[in-house]
Amino acid sequence: MDHFVPWKSWKIEGDPERRVALSVFSLGIIPSGSSARIELSDSTGKRIDDAAFQTGWRGDPNEATYDFSQELAEPVVVIHMQRYINGRDIRKEYFAVGADRIRFVRMENAKGEIFQNEYIYPNYEVGLAPGAKTVAEWIALLESKRAAAVLSALIFLGGRHMVETERRLVDKKDGAYAVVFEETILDPRVRALISQHTRSPNSWIREAAALASRGLRNRPIDYGAH
């Protein structure tokens, strides 16, 4: 994910004042994928957080907006996607930027419905994984008062993953999250928190928790209408 081109920048009002910059690496040929980088800095230019990530296989960012999200109660950068030949129906990707940590919190299809992330094949993964390494860290995210932290965990736990027994039969670069996913999703404390979030008054949390509440194998990939 090199050669990012500066694309958009915004000022985040508040105390302290912050700035967010978005750069992109566009789709070059088909088949291939696109990427982006979000940088969060303070008013002096000091970097607070920096995240580079894939935005989609056979898809390209064609617009980006900055707004205040009522669901998150904080600012959000929304990357609008254009799909190409056999690309997945990913139209919007949401990144929370209102605190010291950039969080990937949601993606939607053309109908505005929540869309499942794909973690089995590296080319298909979109956005940022939370980076939690232990069950205790996943629980901390799910118990957070910050909606963006909760959603960052749920979008990962609700994604399509390869379980470890399957991963032994394929290239290890495929299903790289298999161990951490299986250990986390099978923990009864995590399952209880996910169940609790399926009844959340926050629609984004409720929808993400519904995806995460499915069984290990009940996660068919949805490419959307072509």
Protein backbone atom coordinates (compact mmCIF):
# COMPACT_ATOMS: atom_id res chain seq x y z
CA MET A 1 0.00 0.00 0.00
CA ASP A 2 2.58 2.54 -1.17
CA HIS A 3 2.32 5.64 -3.35
CA PHE A 4 -0.71 7.16 -1.67
CA VAL A 5 -1.95 10.38 -3.28
CA PRO A 6 -3.34 13.14 -1.01
CA TRP A 7 -7.05 13.48 -1.70
CA LYS A 8 -9.11 15.12 1.08
CA SER A 9 -8.54 16.94 4.36
CA TRP A 10 -10.86 18.32 7.03
CA LYS A 11 -10.66 20.25 10.28
CA ILE A 12 -12.26 18.63 13.34
CA GLU A 13 -13.70 21.35 15.54
CA GLY A 14 -13.29 20.94 19.27
CA ASP A 15 -10.84 21.12 22.10
CA PRO A 16 -8.19 20.36 21.04
CA GLU A 17 -8.68 21.15 17.37
CA ARG A 18 -7.67 18.28 15.11
CA ARG A 19 -7.21 17.63 11.43
CA VAL A 20 -7.84 14.52 9.37
CA ALA A 21 -6.25 13.81 6.00
CA LEU A 22 -7.23 11.11 3.51
CA SER A 23 -4.92 9.75 0.81
CA VAL A 24 -5.73 7.04 -1.74
CA PHE A 25 -4.04 4.48 -3.92
CA SER A 26 -6.50 3.89 -6.74
CA LEU A 27 -7.35 0.78 -8.68
CA GLY A 28 -4.79 0.47 -11.47
CA ILE A 29 -5.83 -2.57 -13.45
CA ILE A 30 -8.51 -5.24 -13.12
CA PRO A 31 -8.17 -7.50 -11.27
CA SER A 32 -6.59 -5.52 -8.44
CA GLY A 33 -7.62 -3.51 -5.39
CA SER A 34 -7.52 0.01 -4.00
CA SER A 35 -6.24 1.33 -0.68
CA ALA A 36 -6.41 4.44 1.49
CA ARG A 37 -4.65 6.07 4.40
CA ILE A 38 -6.20 8.23 7.12
CA GLU A 39 -3.96 10.49 9.22
CA LEU A 40 -5.19 12.23 12.37
CA SER A 41 -3.15 15.16 13.69
CA ASP A 42 -3.46 18.02 16.16
CA SER A 43 -3.47 21.74 15.31
CA THR A 44 0.35 21.85 15.40
CA GLY A 45 0.65 19.04 12.86
CA LYS A 46 1.72 16.42 15.40
CA ARG A 47 0.46 13.02 14.31
CA ILE A 48 -2.05 11.37 16.67
CA ASP A 49 -2.91 8.25 14.66
CA ASP A 50 -2.23 6.91 11.20
CA ALA A 51 -3.95 3.98 9.49
CA ALA A 52 -3.45 2.44 6.04
CA PHE A 53 -5.92 -0.16 4.78
CA GLN A 54 -7.52 -1.78 1.75
CA THR A 55 -10.75 -0.28 0.45
CA GLY A 56 -11.79 -3.09 -1.86
CA TRP A 57 -10.93 -5.64 -4.53
CA ARG A 58 -12.25 -4.55 -7.93
CA GLY A 59 -13.45 -1.33 -6.32
CA ASP A 60 -12.22 2.27 -6.21
CA PRO A 61 -12.95 5.27 -3.97
CA ASN A 62 -14.87 7.86 -5.99
CA GLU A 63 -15.84 10.29 -3.20
CA ALA A 64 -15.20 10.91 0.48
CA THR A 65 -17.20 12.93 2.98
CA TYR A 66 -16.75 14.10 6.53
CA ASP A 67 -19.68 14.47 8.91
CA PHE A 68 -20.84 14.09 12.48
CA SER A 69 -22.45 10.70 13.04
CA GLN A 70 -25.39 10.52 15.42
CA GLU A 71 -24.89 6.76 15.71
CA LEU A 72 -21.29 7.24 16.84
CA ALA A 73 -21.68 10.58 18.61
CA GLU A 74 -18.43 11.66 16.93
CA PRO A 75 -17.04 12.69 13.53
CA VAL A 76 -16.74 10.11 10.78
CA VAL A 77 -15.00 9.88 7.41
CA VAL A 78 -17.10 8.06 4.81
CA ILE A 79 -15.38 6.62 1.74
CA HIS A 80 -17.80 6.13 -1.16
CA MET A 81 -16.87 3.26 -3.46
CA GLN A 82 -17.37 2.50 -7.16
CA ARG A 83 -17.42 -1.23 -7.96
CA TYR A 84 -16.11 -2.79 -11.15
CA ILE A 85 -16.37 -6.17 -12.89
CA ASN A 86 -17.52 -8.74 -10.30
CA GLY A 87 -16.61 -6.45 -7.42
CA ARG A 88 -18.46 -6.83 -4.14
CA ASP A 89 -21.40 -4.49 -3.54
CA ILE A 90 -19.53 -2.26 -1.09
CA ARG A 91 -20.66 1.35 -1.50
CA LYS A 92 -19.76 3.11 1.78
CA GLU A 93 -17.02 2.57 4.36
CA TYR A 94 -17.17 4.41 7.70
CA PHE A 95 -14.19 5.40 9.85
CA ALA A 96 -14.56 7.10 13.23
CA VAL A 97 -12.01 9.88 13.78
CA GLY A 98 -13.26 11.68 16.88
CA ALA A 99 -10.79 10.29 19.43
CA ASP A 100 -7.12 9.35 19.56
CA ARG A 101 -7.69 6.10 17.66
CA ILE A 102 -9.08 5.73 14.14
CA ARG A 103 -11.70 2.98 14.06
CA PHE A 104 -13.30 1.14 11.14
CA VAL A 105 -16.92 0.84 12.20
CA ARG A 106 -19.20 -0.09 9.29
CA MET A 107 -19.62 -0.73 5.60
CA GLU A 108 -22.81 -0.71 3.55
CA ASN A 109 -24.11 -1.98 0.22
CA ALA A 110 -26.04 0.00 -2.40
CA LYS A 111 -29.23 -0.32 -0.34
CA GLY A 112 -27.61 1.20 2.74
CA GLU A 113 -27.59 -2.17 4.52
CA ILE A 114 -24.74 -3.37 6.71
CA PHE A 115 -22.27 -5.46 4.71
CA GLN A 116 -20.18 -8.37 5.99
CA ASN A 117 -16.39 -8.06 5.86
CA GLU A 118 -14.23 -10.84 4.41
CA TYR A 119 -11.14 -11.99 6.33
CA ILE A 120 -10.38 -15.32 4.66
CA TYR A 121 -8.58 -14.02 1.58
CA PRO A 122 -6.20 -11.07 2.13
CA ASN A 123 -7.26 -9.32 -1.10
CA TYR A 124 -10.89 -9.11 0.02
CA GLU A 125 -10.41 -7.64 3.50
CA VAL A 126 -11.57 -4.02 3.87
CA GLY A 127 -10.65 -1.49 6.53
CA LEU A 128 -8.89 -1.99 9.85
CA ALA A 129 -8.94 -4.90 12.27
CA PRO A 130 -9.02 -3.63 15.88
CA GLY A 131 -5.66 -5.16 16.81
CA ALA A 132 -6.88 -6.79 20.02
CA LYS A 133 -4.74 -9.83 20.80
CA THR A 134 -6.36 -11.37 23.88
CA VAL A 135 -9.92 -12.19 24.87
CA ALA A 136 -9.64 -9.58 27.63
CA GLU A 137 -8.82 -6.91 25.05
CA TRP A 138 -11.82 -7.94 22.91
CA ILE A 139 -14.05 -7.78 25.96
CA ALA A 140 -12.74 -4.28 26.73
CA LEU A 141 -13.73 -3.15 23.24
CA LEU A 142 -17.19 -4.70 23.53
CA GLU A 143 -17.71 -3.06 26.93
CA SER A 144 -16.43 0.35 25.83
CA LYS A 145 -18.59 3.45 26.26
CA ARG A 146 -17.35 4.60 22.84
CA ALA A 147 -19.68 3.24 20.18
CA ALA A 148 -16.84 3.25 17.65
CA ALA A 149 -14.79 0.85 19.79
CA VAL A 150 -17.75 -1.51 20.15
CA LEU A 151 -18.44 -1.43 16.42
CA SER A 152 -14.79 -2.01 15.51
CA ALA A 153 -14.94 -5.27 17.45
CA LEU A 154 -18.34 -6.30 16.08
CA ILE A 155 -17.44 -5.70 12.42
CA PHE A 156 -14.48 -8.06 12.88
CA LEU A 157 -16.38 -10.68 14.87
CA GLY A 158 -19.27 -10.51 12.38
CA GLY A 159 -17.03 -11.07 9.37
CA ARG A 160 -16.43 -14.20 7.36
CA HIS A 161 -13.47 -16.07 8.83
CA MET A 162 -11.70 -19.33 8.24
CA VAL A 163 -11.68 -21.56 11.30
CA GLU A 164 -8.37 -23.06 12.34
CA THR A 165 -9.20 -26.60 11.22
CA GLU A 166 -9.70 -25.26 7.68
CA ARG A 167 -6.59 -23.10 7.81
CA ARG A 168 -4.33 -26.12 8.29
CA LEU A 169 -5.21 -27.24 4.76
CA VAL A 170 -4.37 -24.00 2.93
CA ASP A 171 -1.71 -21.36 2.61
CA LYS A 172 -1.14 -19.77 6.02
CA LYS A 173 -1.51 -16.27 4.61
CA ASP A 174 -5.18 -17.10 4.01
CA GLY A 175 -7.29 -16.90 7.14
CA ALA A 176 -4.56 -15.12 9.10
CA TYR A 177 -7.05 -14.16 11.83
CA ALA A 178 -8.33 -17.72 12.30
CA VAL A 179 -6.82 -18.37 15.73
CA VAL A 180 -7.74 -15.06 17.37
CA PHE A 181 -11.23 -15.14 15.86
CA GLU A 182 -12.05 -18.66 16.99
CA GLU A 183 -10.68 -18.15 20.51
CA THR A 184 -12.62 -14.92 20.88
CA ILE A 185 -15.97 -15.84 19.34
CA LEU A 186 -16.21 -19.05 21.37
CA ASP A 187 -15.57 -17.35 24.71
CA PRO A 188 -18.85 -17.31 26.73
CA ARG A 189 -18.20 -13.77 28.00
CA VAL A 190 -17.80 -12.50 24.46
CA ARG A 191 -20.93 -14.36 23.34
CA ALA A 192 -22.90 -12.80 26.20
CA LEU A 193 -21.76 -9.29 25.25
CA ILE A 194 -22.64 -9.86 21.59
CA SER A 195 -26.09 -11.08 22.61
CA GLN A 196 -26.51 -8.01 24.79
CA HIS A 197 -25.61 -5.75 21.86
CA THR A 198 -28.26 -7.36 19.62
CA ARG A 199 -30.75 -5.48 21.82
CA SER A 200 -28.90 -2.15 21.70
CA PRO A 201 -30.92 1.02 21.03
CA ASN A 202 -28.12 2.00 18.63
CA SER A 203 -29.13 0.58 15.23
CA TRP A 204 -25.56 0.26 13.96
CA ILE A 205 -24.50 -1.72 17.04
CA ARG A 206 -27.63 -3.85 16.90
CA GLU A 207 -27.10 -4.74 13.22
CA ALA A 208 -23.38 -5.47 13.67
CA ALA A 209 -24.11 -7.66 16.70
CA ALA A 210 -26.66 -9.65 14.69
CA LEU A 211 -23.92 -10.55 12.20
CA ALA A 212 -21.50 -11.45 15.00
CA SER A 213 -24.09 -13.65 16.74
CA ARG A 214 -24.11 -16.25 13.93
CA GLY A 215 -22.34 -19.57 14.26
CA LEU A 216 -18.78 -20.16 13.10
CA ARG A 217 -19.81 -21.60 9.76
CA ASN A 218 -23.11 -19.84 9.15
CA ARG A 219 -21.43 -16.94 7.37
CA PRO A 220 -21.91 -17.15 3.60
CA ILE A 221 -20.13 -14.44 1.64
CA ASP A 222 -22.50 -11.96 0.00
CA TYR A 223 -21.25 -10.45 -3.23
CA GLY A 224 -24.44 -8.47 -3.73
CA ALA A 225 -26.40 -7.96 -6.92
CA HIS A 226 -24.36 -7.55 -10.11
